[in-house]
Amino acid sequence: MRTELTISPLLSALDEICPSGYAIALHIRFTTPMFLFQTYKRDWIDTYTRKGMVMTDPTVRWGFENTGTQTWDNLSDQDDAGVLREAAAHGLKFGFVHAMEAGDSRTVASYARSDRNFSDAETSAITAIMTKLHELTRDTDALPAAEIAALKTLSITLTHAGRPIT
């Protein structure tokens, strides 16, 4: 089975569990991810980007410093710049961050809901999907160039206007 055909259903499953969206930075080396998938509403992505919030986002900081999961609620005391408060104003009221590392490759992701915290079962399902995504995209040197191109296109499509971001 081609890798992009394996990844698309996993991302679709995340869409179902994370109705307010997510951001997944796969295989971060230094500060740049190999693939970035974002499904938050466009106005939040634009605000976050325009204000350079990645530099002060407590979920990003936690993801670079730790592995495992942490709820946004537990990071609110580290949110001096008000990133989580502004996210809530955009409907991203509840969420968690998950970070993992294998060798020199780190993956960090944040998932959101507007209505309630994620259940333990949902958190487990999401982290299992993220682990699969991390593994499927870990060794891109072994993938044919066409599959790498397709994955990058999928990453761009999910991040930019090629895919409807509601």
N, C-alpha and C. Protein backbone atom coordinates (compact mmCIF):
# COMPACT_ATOMS: atom_id res chain seq x y z
N MET A 1 0.85 -1.18 0.00
CA MET A 1 0.00 0.00 0.00
C MET A 1 0.89 1.24 0.00
N ARG A 2 0.53 2.20 -0.83
CA ARG A 2 1.31 3.42 -0.91
C ARG A 2 1.14 4.23 0.36
N THR A 3 2.23 4.88 0.79
CA THR A 3 2.23 5.59 2.06
C THR A 3 1.16 6.66 2.14
N GLU A 4 1.01 7.48 1.08
CA GLU A 4 0.02 8.55 1.17
C GLU A 4 -1.39 8.00 1.29
N LEU A 5 -1.63 6.79 0.76
CA LEU A 5 -2.94 6.17 0.91
C LEU A 5 -3.14 5.65 2.33
N THR A 6 -2.08 5.40 3.03
CA THR A 6 -2.15 4.97 4.42
C THR A 6 -2.33 6.18 5.33
N ILE A 7 -1.72 7.28 4.98
CA ILE A 7 -1.76 8.48 5.83
C ILE A 7 -3.09 9.20 5.73
N SER A 8 -3.66 9.31 4.56
CA SER A 8 -4.93 10.04 4.40
C SER A 8 -6.03 9.52 5.32
N PRO A 9 -6.25 8.20 5.44
CA PRO A 9 -7.30 7.74 6.35
C PRO A 9 -6.99 8.06 7.82
N LEU A 10 -5.70 8.07 8.18
CA LEU A 10 -5.34 8.42 9.55
C LEU A 10 -5.69 9.88 9.84
N LEU A 11 -5.40 10.75 8.88
CA LEU A 11 -5.74 12.16 9.04
C LEU A 11 -7.25 12.36 9.07
N SER A 12 -7.97 11.59 8.28
CA SER A 12 -9.44 11.66 8.30
C SER A 12 -9.98 11.23 9.66
N ALA A 13 -9.38 10.22 10.25
CA ALA A 13 -9.80 9.77 11.58
C ALA A 13 -9.57 10.88 12.61
N LEU A 14 -8.46 11.59 12.48
CA LEU A 14 -8.20 12.72 13.39
C LEU A 14 -9.25 13.81 13.21
N ASP A 15 -9.65 14.06 11.97
CA ASP A 15 -10.69 15.06 11.71
C ASP A 15 -11.96 14.75 12.50
N GLU A 16 -12.28 13.47 12.59
CA GLU A 16 -13.49 13.06 13.31
C GLU A 16 -13.37 13.27 14.82
N ILE A 17 -12.19 12.98 15.36
CA ILE A 17 -11.99 13.06 16.82
C ILE A 17 -11.70 14.49 17.27
N CYS A 18 -11.15 15.30 16.39
CA CYS A 18 -10.73 16.66 16.73
C CYS A 18 -11.55 17.68 15.93
N PRO A 19 -12.78 17.92 16.33
CA PRO A 19 -13.66 18.76 15.53
C PRO A 19 -13.20 20.21 15.37
N SER A 20 -12.37 20.69 16.27
CA SER A 20 -11.87 22.06 16.14
C SER A 20 -10.50 22.13 15.48
N GLY A 21 -9.94 20.99 15.14
CA GLY A 21 -8.70 20.96 14.39
C GLY A 21 -7.50 20.49 15.17
N TYR A 22 -6.38 20.50 14.45
CA TYR A 22 -5.11 20.07 15.01
C TYR A 22 -3.97 20.65 14.19
N ALA A 23 -2.79 20.60 14.79
CA ALA A 23 -1.55 20.94 14.09
C ALA A 23 -0.54 19.85 14.44
N ILE A 24 0.01 19.23 13.41
CA ILE A 24 0.99 18.16 13.61
C ILE A 24 2.26 18.54 12.87
N ALA A 25 3.35 18.64 13.60
CA ALA A 25 4.66 18.89 13.01
C ALA A 25 5.45 17.59 13.12
N LEU A 26 5.57 16.90 12.00
CA LEU A 26 6.24 15.59 11.97
C LEU A 26 7.72 15.73 11.67
N HIS A 27 8.52 15.04 12.44
CA HIS A 27 9.96 14.93 12.23
C HIS A 27 10.64 16.30 12.20
N ILE A 28 10.56 16.97 13.33
CA ILE A 28 11.19 18.28 13.47
C ILE A 28 12.69 18.07 13.65
N ARG A 29 13.44 18.69 12.81
CA ARG A 29 14.90 18.68 12.95
C ARG A 29 15.31 20.13 13.08
N PHE A 30 16.01 20.42 14.16
CA PHE A 30 16.30 21.79 14.57
C PHE A 30 14.94 22.44 14.87
N THR A 31 14.40 23.29 14.04
CA THR A 31 13.09 23.88 14.31
C THR A 31 12.11 23.70 13.15
N THR A 32 12.47 22.90 12.15
CA THR A 32 11.66 22.77 10.95
C THR A 32 11.10 21.35 10.82
N PRO A 33 9.77 21.23 10.69
CA PRO A 33 9.19 19.90 10.49
C PRO A 33 9.31 19.45 9.03
N MET A 34 9.45 18.16 8.84
CA MET A 34 9.45 17.60 7.49
C MET A 34 8.06 17.75 6.87
N PHE A 35 7.02 17.49 7.66
CA PHE A 35 5.65 17.64 7.21
C PHE A 35 4.87 18.40 8.28
N LEU A 36 3.98 19.28 7.85
CA LEU A 36 3.14 20.03 8.76
C LEU A 36 1.70 19.92 8.29
N PHE A 37 0.85 19.38 9.17
CA PHE A 37 -0.57 19.25 8.88
C PHE A 37 -1.33 20.14 9.87
N GLN A 38 -2.13 21.07 9.35
CA GLN A 38 -2.94 21.95 10.20
C GLN A 38 -4.37 21.97 9.68
N THR A 39 -5.31 21.80 10.58
CA THR A 39 -6.71 21.86 10.16
C THR A 39 -7.52 22.85 10.98
N TYR A 40 -6.85 23.72 11.72
CA TYR A 40 -7.57 24.76 12.44
C TYR A 40 -8.23 25.70 11.44
N LYS A 41 -9.22 26.46 11.91
CA LYS A 41 -9.87 27.43 11.05
C LYS A 41 -8.85 28.45 10.55
N ARG A 42 -9.07 28.90 9.34
CA ARG A 42 -8.15 29.83 8.68
C ARG A 42 -7.89 31.09 9.51
N ASP A 43 -8.94 31.64 10.16
CA ASP A 43 -8.71 32.87 10.92
C ASP A 43 -7.75 32.65 12.08
N TRP A 44 -7.78 31.47 12.70
CA TRP A 44 -6.84 31.18 13.78
C TRP A 44 -5.42 30.98 13.21
N ILE A 45 -5.30 30.25 12.14
CA ILE A 45 -3.97 30.05 11.53
C ILE A 45 -3.37 31.40 11.14
N ASP A 46 -4.19 32.26 10.54
CA ASP A 46 -3.70 33.58 10.13
C ASP A 46 -3.28 34.42 11.33
N THR A 47 -4.10 34.45 12.37
CA THR A 47 -3.77 35.21 13.58
C THR A 47 -2.50 34.68 14.22
N TYR A 48 -2.43 33.38 14.38
CA TYR A 48 -1.28 32.73 15.01
C TYR A 48 0.00 33.05 14.24
N THR A 49 -0.09 32.97 12.91
CA THR A 49 1.08 33.23 12.07
C THR A 49 1.45 34.70 12.09
N ARG A 50 0.47 35.57 11.90
CA ARG A 50 0.73 37.02 11.84
C ARG A 50 1.38 37.52 13.12
N LYS A 51 0.95 37.00 14.26
CA LYS A 51 1.49 37.44 15.55
C LYS A 51 2.72 36.67 15.99
N GLY A 52 3.18 35.72 15.18
CA GLY A 52 4.37 34.95 15.53
C GLY A 52 4.21 34.18 16.83
N MET A 53 3.03 33.66 17.08
CA MET A 53 2.75 33.00 18.35
C MET A 53 3.54 31.73 18.60
N VAL A 54 4.07 31.14 17.55
CA VAL A 54 4.87 29.92 17.74
C VAL A 54 6.03 30.18 18.70
N MET A 55 6.51 31.41 18.73
CA MET A 55 7.65 31.75 19.59
C MET A 55 7.29 31.76 21.07
N THR A 56 6.00 31.95 21.41
CA THR A 56 5.59 32.04 22.81
C THR A 56 4.54 31.01 23.19
N ASP A 57 4.20 30.13 22.29
CA ASP A 57 3.15 29.14 22.52
C ASP A 57 3.61 28.12 23.56
N PRO A 58 2.90 28.03 24.70
CA PRO A 58 3.33 27.08 25.73
C PRO A 58 3.21 25.62 25.28
N THR A 59 2.32 25.32 24.32
CA THR A 59 2.21 23.94 23.84
C THR A 59 3.44 23.57 23.01
N VAL A 60 3.92 24.50 22.23
CA VAL A 60 5.13 24.26 21.43
C VAL A 60 6.34 24.10 22.35
N ARG A 61 6.46 25.02 23.32
CA ARG A 61 7.58 24.95 24.26
C ARG A 61 7.56 23.61 25.00
N TRP A 62 6.37 23.21 25.49
CA TRP A 62 6.27 21.95 26.21
C TRP A 62 6.67 20.79 25.29
N GLY A 63 6.21 20.83 24.04
CA GLY A 63 6.50 19.76 23.09
C GLY A 63 7.98 19.63 22.74
N PHE A 64 8.70 20.74 22.78
CA PHE A 64 10.14 20.68 22.52
C PHE A 64 10.93 20.23 23.73
N GLU A 65 10.37 20.43 24.91
CA GLU A 65 11.09 20.11 26.14
C GLU A 65 10.71 18.77 26.76
N ASN A 66 9.62 18.16 26.30
CA ASN A 66 9.09 16.95 26.93
C ASN A 66 8.63 15.94 25.89
N THR A 67 8.33 14.75 26.34
CA THR A 67 7.62 13.76 25.53
C THR A 67 6.41 13.31 26.34
N GLY A 68 5.42 12.79 25.63
CA GLY A 68 4.18 12.37 26.28
C GLY A 68 3.07 13.34 25.95
N THR A 69 2.09 13.44 26.85
CA THR A 69 0.95 14.33 26.63
C THR A 69 0.79 15.30 27.79
N GLN A 70 0.21 16.45 27.46
CA GLN A 70 -0.10 17.46 28.47
C GLN A 70 -1.32 18.25 28.01
N THR A 71 -2.27 18.46 28.91
CA THR A 71 -3.45 19.24 28.55
C THR A 71 -3.12 20.72 28.49
N TRP A 72 -3.89 21.43 27.70
CA TRP A 72 -3.73 22.88 27.63
C TRP A 72 -4.03 23.51 28.98
N ASP A 73 -5.02 22.97 29.69
CA ASP A 73 -5.35 23.50 31.03
C ASP A 73 -4.13 23.53 31.93
N ASN A 74 -3.32 22.46 31.86
CA ASN A 74 -2.14 22.38 32.72
C ASN A 74 -1.00 23.27 32.27
N LEU A 75 -1.13 23.87 31.09
CA LEU A 75 -0.10 24.78 30.58
C LEU A 75 -0.49 26.24 30.71
N SER A 76 -1.71 26.51 31.18
CA SER A 76 -2.19 27.89 31.22
C SER A 76 -1.34 28.80 32.10
N ASP A 77 -0.74 28.25 33.15
CA ASP A 77 0.11 29.08 34.02
C ASP A 77 1.45 29.43 33.36
N GLN A 78 1.76 28.80 32.22
CA GLN A 78 2.99 29.09 31.48
C GLN A 78 2.71 29.94 30.23
N ASP A 79 1.50 30.48 30.15
CA ASP A 79 1.05 31.20 28.96
C ASP A 79 1.10 32.71 29.17
N ASP A 80 2.29 33.23 29.42
CA ASP A 80 2.45 34.66 29.67
C ASP A 80 2.00 35.53 28.50
N ALA A 81 2.12 35.03 27.29
CA ALA A 81 1.76 35.82 26.10
C ALA A 81 0.28 35.69 25.74
N GLY A 82 -0.46 34.84 26.43
CA GLY A 82 -1.90 34.72 26.19
C GLY A 82 -2.28 33.95 24.94
N VAL A 83 -1.41 33.05 24.49
CA VAL A 83 -1.70 32.27 23.28
C VAL A 83 -2.94 31.40 23.49
N LEU A 84 -3.00 30.70 24.61
CA LEU A 84 -4.14 29.82 24.86
C LEU A 84 -5.43 30.62 25.06
N ARG A 85 -5.32 31.78 25.66
CA ARG A 85 -6.49 32.64 25.84
C ARG A 85 -7.01 33.10 24.48
N GLU A 86 -6.10 33.48 23.59
CA GLU A 86 -6.51 33.90 22.25
C GLU A 86 -7.05 32.72 21.45
N ALA A 87 -6.46 31.54 21.62
CA ALA A 87 -6.98 30.35 20.94
C ALA A 87 -8.42 30.10 21.38
N ALA A 88 -8.69 30.24 22.68
CA ALA A 88 -10.05 30.04 23.19
C ALA A 88 -11.03 31.03 22.57
N ALA A 89 -10.57 32.26 22.35
CA ALA A 89 -11.41 33.27 21.72
C ALA A 89 -11.75 32.90 20.28
N HIS A 90 -10.91 32.03 19.68
CA HIS A 90 -11.15 31.53 18.32
C HIS A 90 -11.86 30.17 18.34
N GLY A 91 -12.37 29.77 19.50
CA GLY A 91 -13.12 28.52 19.60
C GLY A 91 -12.30 27.31 20.00
N LEU A 92 -11.00 27.49 20.19
CA LEU A 92 -10.12 26.37 20.58
C LEU A 92 -9.97 26.41 22.10
N LYS A 93 -10.98 25.92 22.79
CA LYS A 93 -11.05 26.09 24.24
C LYS A 93 -10.41 24.95 25.02
N PHE A 94 -10.41 23.76 24.45
CA PHE A 94 -9.90 22.58 25.15
C PHE A 94 -8.92 21.87 24.22
N GLY A 95 -7.85 21.34 24.79
CA GLY A 95 -6.92 20.63 23.95
C GLY A 95 -5.80 19.98 24.73
N PHE A 96 -4.94 19.34 23.98
CA PHE A 96 -3.75 18.76 24.57
C PHE A 96 -2.64 18.73 23.52
N VAL A 97 -1.43 18.65 24.03
CA VAL A 97 -0.25 18.54 23.18
C VAL A 97 0.34 17.15 23.41
N HIS A 98 0.88 16.58 22.33
CA HIS A 98 1.56 15.29 22.42
C HIS A 98 2.89 15.41 21.70
N ALA A 99 3.94 14.96 22.34
CA ALA A 99 5.28 15.01 21.74
C ALA A 99 5.94 13.66 21.87
N MET A 100 6.66 13.30 20.82
CA MET A 100 7.42 12.05 20.84
C MET A 100 8.75 12.28 20.14
N GLU A 101 9.71 11.44 20.46
CA GLU A 101 11.03 11.56 19.86
C GLU A 101 11.59 10.18 19.59
N ALA A 102 12.18 10.04 18.40
CA ALA A 102 12.87 8.80 18.04
C ALA A 102 14.18 9.21 17.36
N GLY A 103 15.27 8.90 18.01
CA GLY A 103 16.57 9.32 17.47
C GLY A 103 16.67 10.83 17.43
N ASP A 104 16.97 11.37 16.27
CA ASP A 104 17.09 12.83 16.13
C ASP A 104 15.82 13.44 15.55
N SER A 105 14.72 12.72 15.62
CA SER A 105 13.47 13.18 15.03
C SER A 105 12.39 13.33 16.09
N ARG A 106 11.89 14.53 16.21
CA ARG A 106 10.84 14.84 17.18
C ARG A 106 9.56 15.21 16.43
N THR A 107 8.44 14.73 16.93
CA THR A 107 7.13 15.09 16.40
C THR A 107 6.34 15.72 17.53
N VAL A 108 5.72 16.87 17.24
CA VAL A 108 4.92 17.59 18.21
C VAL A 108 3.58 17.91 17.57
N ALA A 109 2.52 17.67 18.31
CA ALA A 109 1.19 17.94 17.79
C ALA A 109 0.29 18.49 18.89
N SER A 110 -0.66 19.30 18.47
CA SER A 110 -1.64 19.85 19.39
C SER A 110 -3.02 19.65 18.79
N TYR A 111 -3.98 19.28 19.63
CA TYR A 111 -5.32 18.91 19.19
C TYR A 111 -6.34 19.73 19.97
N ALA A 112 -7.44 20.14 19.32
CA ALA A 112 -8.38 21.03 19.97
C ALA A 112 -9.83 20.61 19.81
N ARG A 113 -10.61 21.06 20.78
CA ARG A 113 -12.08 20.95 20.77
C ARG A 113 -12.62 22.28 21.29
N SER A 114 -13.86 22.57 20.95
CA SER A 114 -14.49 23.78 21.46
C SER A 114 -15.46 23.49 22.60
N ASP A 115 -15.88 22.23 22.73
CA ASP A 115 -16.97 21.90 23.63
C ASP A 115 -16.59 21.25 24.95
N ARG A 116 -15.48 20.53 24.99
CA ARG A 116 -15.11 19.78 26.20
C ARG A 116 -13.68 19.27 26.06
N ASN A 117 -13.14 18.80 27.18
CA ASN A 117 -11.84 18.15 27.13
C ASN A 117 -11.96 16.81 26.40
N PHE A 118 -10.86 16.37 25.85
CA PHE A 118 -10.83 15.05 25.22
C PHE A 118 -10.95 13.99 26.30
N SER A 119 -11.67 12.92 26.00
CA SER A 119 -11.76 11.79 26.93
C SER A 119 -10.44 11.02 26.89
N ASP A 120 -10.23 10.17 27.88
CA ASP A 120 -9.03 9.34 27.88
C ASP A 120 -8.98 8.44 26.65
N ALA A 121 -10.14 7.91 26.25
CA ALA A 121 -10.19 7.04 25.06
C ALA A 121 -9.82 7.83 23.81
N GLU A 122 -10.32 9.05 23.69
CA GLU A 122 -9.98 9.89 22.53
C GLU A 122 -8.49 10.24 22.53
N THR A 123 -7.97 10.58 23.68
CA THR A 123 -6.54 10.90 23.78
C THR A 123 -5.70 9.70 23.36
N SER A 124 -6.06 8.52 23.82
CA SER A 124 -5.34 7.30 23.45
C SER A 124 -5.41 7.05 21.95
N ALA A 125 -6.60 7.20 21.38
CA ALA A 125 -6.76 6.99 19.94
C ALA A 125 -5.93 7.99 19.14
N ILE A 126 -5.95 9.24 19.56
CA ILE A 126 -5.18 10.29 18.86
C ILE A 126 -3.68 10.02 18.94
N THR A 127 -3.19 9.68 20.11
CA THR A 127 -1.75 9.44 20.24
C THR A 127 -1.33 8.19 19.47
N ALA A 128 -2.22 7.20 19.37
CA ALA A 128 -1.91 6.01 18.56
C ALA A 128 -1.81 6.39 17.08
N ILE A 129 -2.72 7.24 16.62
CA ILE A 129 -2.67 7.70 15.23
C ILE A 129 -1.40 8.49 14.99
N MET A 130 -1.05 9.37 15.93
CA MET A 130 0.17 10.16 15.76
C MET A 130 1.41 9.27 15.70
N THR A 131 1.44 8.24 16.53
CA THR A 131 2.57 7.31 16.50
C THR A 131 2.67 6.64 15.13
N LYS A 132 1.54 6.23 14.57
CA LYS A 132 1.54 5.63 13.23
C LYS A 132 2.03 6.62 12.18
N LEU A 133 1.54 7.87 12.26
CA LEU A 133 1.99 8.89 11.30
C LEU A 133 3.50 9.11 11.40
N HIS A 134 3.99 9.17 12.63
CA HIS A 134 5.43 9.36 12.85
C HIS A 134 6.22 8.20 12.22
N GLU A 135 5.76 6.99 12.45
CA GLU A 135 6.46 5.82 11.93
C GLU A 135 6.40 5.73 10.41
N LEU A 136 5.22 5.99 9.85
CA LEU A 136 5.05 5.90 8.40
C LEU A 136 5.91 6.91 7.64
N THR A 137 6.20 8.03 8.25
CA THR A 137 6.94 9.09 7.57
C THR A 137 8.39 9.22 8.05
N ARG A 138 8.81 8.30 8.90
CA ARG A 138 10.14 8.41 9.50
C ARG A 138 11.26 8.25 8.49
N ASP A 139 11.20 7.26 7.63
CA ASP A 139 12.32 6.96 6.73
C ASP A 139 11.96 7.36 5.30
N THR A 140 11.93 8.64 5.05
CA THR A 140 11.57 9.09 3.71
C THR A 140 12.65 8.75 2.69
N ASP A 141 13.87 8.48 3.15
CA ASP A 141 14.92 8.07 2.21
C ASP A 141 14.57 6.75 1.53
N ALA A 142 13.78 5.92 2.20
CA ALA A 142 13.40 4.63 1.63
C ALA A 142 12.18 4.72 0.73
N LEU A 143 11.52 5.87 0.72
CA LEU A 143 10.32 6.03 -0.10
C LEU A 143 10.70 6.51 -1.50
N PRO A 144 9.95 6.08 -2.49
CA PRO A 144 10.16 6.60 -3.84
C PRO A 144 9.89 8.10 -3.88
N ALA A 145 10.58 8.79 -4.76
CA ALA A 145 10.44 10.25 -4.88
C ALA A 145 8.99 10.66 -5.10
N ALA A 146 8.23 9.89 -5.85
CA ALA A 146 6.83 10.23 -6.12
C ALA A 146 6.00 10.21 -4.84
N GLU A 147 6.28 9.28 -3.94
CA GLU A 147 5.54 9.21 -2.68
C GLU A 147 5.91 10.38 -1.78
N ILE A 148 7.18 10.75 -1.75
CA ILE A 148 7.60 11.91 -0.96
C ILE A 148 6.90 13.15 -1.48
N ALA A 149 6.86 13.30 -2.80
CA ALA A 149 6.17 14.45 -3.40
C ALA A 149 4.69 14.46 -3.03
N ALA A 150 4.06 13.30 -3.05
CA ALA A 150 2.64 13.22 -2.70
C ALA A 150 2.42 13.59 -1.24
N LEU A 151 3.30 13.14 -0.35
CA LEU A 151 3.18 13.49 1.06
C LEU A 151 3.36 14.99 1.28
N LYS A 152 4.32 15.57 0.59
CA LYS A 152 4.53 17.02 0.72
C LYS A 152 3.33 17.78 0.17
N THR A 153 2.74 17.30 -0.90
CA THR A 153 1.55 17.94 -1.44
C THR A 153 0.41 17.84 -0.45
N LEU A 154 0.24 16.67 0.17
CA LEU A 154 -0.80 16.49 1.17
C LEU A 154 -0.56 17.43 2.34
N SER A 155 0.70 17.56 2.76
CA SER A 155 1.03 18.47 3.85
C SER A 155 0.67 19.90 3.48
N ILE A 156 1.02 20.32 2.29
CA ILE A 156 0.70 21.67 1.84
C ILE A 156 -0.80 21.84 1.70
N THR A 157 -1.48 20.84 1.18
CA THR A 157 -2.93 20.92 1.00
C THR A 157 -3.63 21.08 2.33
N LEU A 158 -3.21 20.35 3.34
CA LEU A 158 -3.84 20.46 4.65
C LEU A 158 -3.51 21.76 5.34
N THR A 159 -2.37 22.33 5.05
CA THR A 159 -1.93 23.54 5.71
C THR A 159 -2.46 24.79 5.03
N HIS A 160 -2.66 24.73 3.74
CA HIS A 160 -3.04 25.91 2.98
C HIS A 160 -4.42 25.75 2.38
N ALA A 161 -4.81 26.64 1.55
CA ALA A 161 -6.19 26.74 1.08
C ALA A 161 -6.62 25.64 0.12
N GLY A 162 -5.75 24.72 -0.26
CA GLY A 162 -6.14 23.65 -1.15
C GLY A 162 -7.20 22.74 -0.55
N ARG A 163 -7.26 22.66 0.75
CA ARG A 163 -8.28 21.86 1.43
C ARG A 163 -9.14 22.81 2.24
N PRO A 164 -10.44 22.66 2.16
CA PRO A 164 -11.29 23.56 2.94
C PRO A 164 -10.97 23.43 4.42
N ILE A 165 -10.67 24.52 5.04
CA ILE A 165 -10.43 24.56 6.48
C ILE A 165 -11.62 25.29 7.08
N THR A 166 -12.45 24.57 7.79
CA THR A 166 -13.70 25.14 8.30
C THR A 166 -13.54 25.69 9.70
